[in-house]
Amino acid sequence: MVYPLDKYVDVLLKLDISPIQVLFCQIIYERRHDLLYKIAQEGQIFPKEYLDDLVDKGLIVDTNPSESSKYADFYEVTDKFVQAFYAVSTTDGEEFWSAYPAFITIDGKKIPSKAVNKEELVRWYHKHVGSVHDHSKVMKALKFAKERKLISMRIDKWLQAESFVDLWDMMRETPIEDLPHDRII
């Protein structure tokens, strides 16, 4: 997953750690030990003082079986790091929820489109959409779809299908003349 740069900077400042330390914690949290080995094969290391600093700040736990030998894959991140890095505010998800139509019409029948747990959907939005895609672009795609009555599925299915990506393509292909606008004649 790709995370917005401002999120990295916020975590660096909030936790008072270096970019290398954030990278280490992220690799450990996502259990990408293959990346640890790749870094080591290239002759790079995570300095012991950086790891000790993370332990002292309560961001990782050292589970190495021996004090004399330290292995990077014997560290675990704590909830403190997870909350700071992976827990995203709910603002974007709440905005998306509010903007999504409450009902859609299919074959002349009004069907509820938000018949899901709002709290779970907002969390899912941040994990799978908000931290990967530009929220403002997702909102523009939603607006485009609403204006053209292109929404034909429940809110969770719309997000899981990444319908907004298809809409981005449609928005690029739609000539300006076809887009609603005000003209001064």
Protein backbone atom coordinates (compact mmCIF):
# COMPACT_ATOMS: atom_id res chain seq x y z
CA MET A 1 0.00 0.00 0.00
CA VAL A 2 1.04 3.52 -0.69
CA TYR A 3 0.46 6.02 2.09
CA PRO A 4 0.23 9.79 1.67
CA LEU A 5 3.45 11.64 2.47
CA ASP A 6 1.72 13.98 4.90
CA LYS A 7 0.78 10.91 6.96
CA TYR A 8 4.45 9.87 7.18
CA VAL A 9 5.52 13.36 8.21
CA ASP A 10 2.77 13.55 10.84
CA VAL A 11 3.91 10.23 12.33
CA LEU A 12 7.58 11.27 12.27
CA LEU A 13 6.79 14.43 14.18
CA LYS A 14 4.24 12.93 16.54
CA LEU A 15 6.44 9.99 17.55
CA ASP A 16 9.77 11.82 17.22
CA ILE A 17 11.35 9.10 15.07
CA SER A 18 13.32 8.99 11.83
CA PRO A 19 12.07 7.90 8.38
CA ILE A 20 14.22 4.75 8.71
CA GLN A 21 12.45 3.91 11.98
CA VAL A 22 9.01 4.36 10.38
CA LEU A 23 10.08 2.11 7.51
CA PHE A 24 11.29 -0.55 9.94
CA CYS A 25 8.05 -0.47 11.93
CA GLN A 26 5.96 -0.60 8.78
CA ILE A 27 7.90 -3.59 7.41
CA ILE A 28 7.54 -5.42 10.73
CA TYR A 29 3.84 -4.61 11.07
CA GLU A 30 3.07 -5.75 7.53
CA ARG A 31 5.21 -8.85 8.11
CA ARG A 32 7.34 -8.18 5.04
CA HIS A 33 10.37 -10.03 6.34
CA ASP A 34 11.36 -10.62 2.73
CA LEU A 35 12.09 -6.89 2.52
CA LEU A 36 14.24 -7.05 5.66
CA TYR A 37 16.32 -9.79 4.04
CA LYS A 38 16.53 -7.87 0.76
CA ILE A 39 17.81 -4.77 2.60
CA ALA A 40 20.35 -6.90 4.48
CA GLN A 41 21.55 -8.59 1.28
CA GLU A 42 22.35 -5.15 -0.14
CA GLY A 43 24.55 -4.43 2.85
CA GLN A 44 22.12 -2.07 4.56
CA ILE A 45 21.21 -2.45 8.21
CA PHE A 46 18.83 -0.92 10.68
CA PRO A 47 21.21 0.55 13.28
CA LYS A 48 20.85 -1.01 16.72
CA GLU A 49 20.54 2.44 18.32
CA TYR A 50 17.49 3.14 16.12
CA LEU A 51 15.89 -0.11 17.24
CA ASP A 52 16.75 0.56 20.89
CA ASP A 53 15.18 4.01 20.56
CA LEU A 54 11.99 2.43 19.19
CA VAL A 55 11.94 0.00 22.13
CA ASP A 56 12.52 2.86 24.62
CA LYS A 57 9.63 4.83 23.06
CA GLY A 58 7.33 1.82 23.36
CA LEU A 59 6.85 1.45 19.59
CA ILE A 60 8.36 -2.03 19.21
CA VAL A 61 9.06 -5.01 21.47
CA ASP A 62 12.29 -7.01 21.25
CA THR A 63 11.50 -10.74 21.19
CA ASN A 64 15.04 -11.86 20.30
CA PRO A 65 15.88 -15.03 22.25
CA SER A 66 19.40 -13.83 23.04
CA GLU A 67 20.89 -10.50 24.07
CA SER A 68 24.09 -11.29 22.16
CA SER A 69 22.40 -11.84 18.77
CA LYS A 70 19.79 -9.42 17.43
CA TYR A 71 17.66 -10.19 14.41
CA ALA A 72 15.32 -7.62 12.90
CA ASP A 73 12.52 -10.13 12.34
CA PHE A 74 12.36 -10.80 16.11
CA TYR A 75 10.74 -7.43 16.78
CA GLU A 76 7.03 -6.74 17.02
CA VAL A 77 5.32 -3.36 16.73
CA THR A 78 3.13 -2.18 19.58
CA ASP A 79 -0.38 -0.79 19.49
CA LYS A 80 1.13 2.65 20.05
CA PHE A 81 2.75 2.59 16.59
CA VAL A 82 -0.26 0.93 14.94
CA GLN A 83 -2.61 3.59 16.30
CA ALA A 84 -0.32 6.43 15.22
CA PHE A 85 0.39 5.11 11.73
CA TYR A 86 -2.51 2.95 10.64
CA ALA A 87 -5.47 4.47 12.46
CA VAL A 88 -6.72 7.21 10.20
CA SER A 89 -9.21 9.84 11.20
CA THR A 90 -12.75 9.13 10.12
CA THR A 91 -13.31 12.47 8.41
CA ASP A 92 -12.86 11.24 4.82
CA GLY A 93 -14.97 8.13 5.32
CA GLU A 94 -17.69 10.17 7.03
CA GLU A 95 -17.69 12.63 4.13
CA PHE A 96 -17.99 9.78 1.64
CA TRP A 97 -20.83 8.21 3.65
CA SER A 98 -22.73 11.51 3.77
CA ALA A 99 -22.35 12.13 0.03
CA TYR A 100 -23.39 8.63 -1.09
CA PRO A 101 -27.11 8.45 -1.94
CA ALA A 102 -29.25 6.80 0.74
CA PHE A 103 -31.45 5.12 -1.89
CA ILE A 104 -30.95 4.03 -5.48
CA THR A 105 -33.62 3.15 -8.01
CA ILE A 106 -33.34 -0.17 -9.82
CA ASP A 107 -36.15 -1.35 -12.12
CA GLY A 108 -38.42 1.33 -10.70
CA LYS A 109 -37.89 0.23 -7.09
CA LYS A 110 -36.23 2.34 -4.40
CA ILE A 111 -33.55 0.27 -2.68
CA PRO A 112 -31.53 1.35 0.38
CA SER A 113 -27.91 1.77 -0.65
CA LYS A 114 -26.46 2.21 2.85
CA ALA A 115 -27.76 -1.00 4.43
CA VAL A 116 -24.38 -1.69 6.06
CA ASN A 117 -22.68 -0.93 9.37
CA LYS A 118 -21.56 2.69 9.01
CA GLU A 119 -18.66 2.43 11.49
CA GLU A 120 -17.21 -0.64 9.76
CA LEU A 121 -17.60 0.94 6.34
CA VAL A 122 -15.83 4.13 7.44
CA ARG A 123 -12.91 2.06 8.83
CA TRP A 124 -12.83 -0.05 5.65
CA TYR A 125 -12.83 3.12 3.55
CA HIS A 126 -9.70 4.42 5.27
CA LYS A 127 -7.84 1.15 5.13
CA HIS A 128 -8.63 0.23 1.53
CA VAL A 129 -9.48 3.51 -0.19
CA GLY A 130 -8.36 6.55 1.81
CA SER A 131 -4.81 5.34 2.36
CA VAL A 132 -4.37 4.21 -1.24
CA HIS A 133 -6.29 6.71 -3.37
CA ASP A 134 -6.73 10.46 -3.33
CA HIS A 135 -9.92 11.10 -1.36
CA SER A 136 -10.77 14.27 -3.30
CA LYS A 137 -10.63 12.31 -6.58
CA VAL A 138 -12.88 9.61 -5.12
CA MET A 139 -15.36 12.32 -4.10
CA LYS A 140 -15.24 13.86 -7.61
CA ALA A 141 -16.00 10.44 -9.10
CA LEU A 142 -18.90 9.99 -6.69
CA LYS A 143 -20.30 13.41 -7.63
CA PHE A 144 -19.92 12.56 -11.34
CA ALA A 145 -21.75 9.24 -10.80
CA LYS A 146 -24.57 10.84 -8.81
CA GLU A 147 -25.12 13.56 -11.42
CA ARG A 148 -25.42 10.95 -14.18
CA LYS A 149 -27.33 8.38 -12.11
CA LEU A 150 -24.54 5.82 -12.55
CA ILE A 151 -24.78 4.33 -9.07
CA SER A 152 -26.48 0.94 -9.12
CA MET A 153 -25.09 -0.85 -6.08
CA ARG A 154 -24.82 -0.67 -2.34
CA ILE A 155 -22.15 1.63 -0.87
CA ASP A 156 -19.80 -1.17 0.25
CA LYS A 157 -19.99 -2.96 -3.11
CA TRP A 158 -19.32 0.32 -4.94
CA LEU A 159 -16.14 0.82 -2.93
CA GLN A 160 -14.99 -2.82 -3.09
CA ALA A 161 -15.43 -2.80 -6.86
CA GLU A 162 -13.40 0.43 -6.98
CA SER A 163 -16.07 1.87 -9.25
CA PHE A 164 -14.47 5.28 -8.82
CA VAL A 165 -11.45 4.10 -10.87
CA ASP A 166 -13.70 3.30 -13.84
CA LEU A 167 -15.41 6.65 -13.37
CA TRP A 168 -12.04 8.43 -13.49
CA ASP A 169 -11.52 6.92 -16.93
CA MET A 170 -15.02 7.96 -17.98
CA MET A 171 -14.43 11.48 -16.66
CA ARG A 172 -11.22 11.75 -18.73
CA GLU A 173 -12.98 10.49 -21.85
CA THR A 174 -16.08 12.71 -21.49
CA PRO A 175 -15.66 15.79 -23.69
CA ILE A 176 -16.02 19.13 -21.96
CA GLU A 177 -19.14 19.84 -24.03
CA ASP A 178 -20.86 16.86 -22.41
CA LEU A 179 -20.09 18.04 -18.90
CA PRO A 180 -22.59 20.34 -17.20
CA HIS A 181 -21.41 23.94 -17.05
CA ASP A 182 -22.70 27.46 -17.21
CA ARG A 183 -22.17 29.41 -20.37
CA ILE A 184 -22.33 33.12 -20.67
CA ILE A 185 -23.89 33.91 -24.03
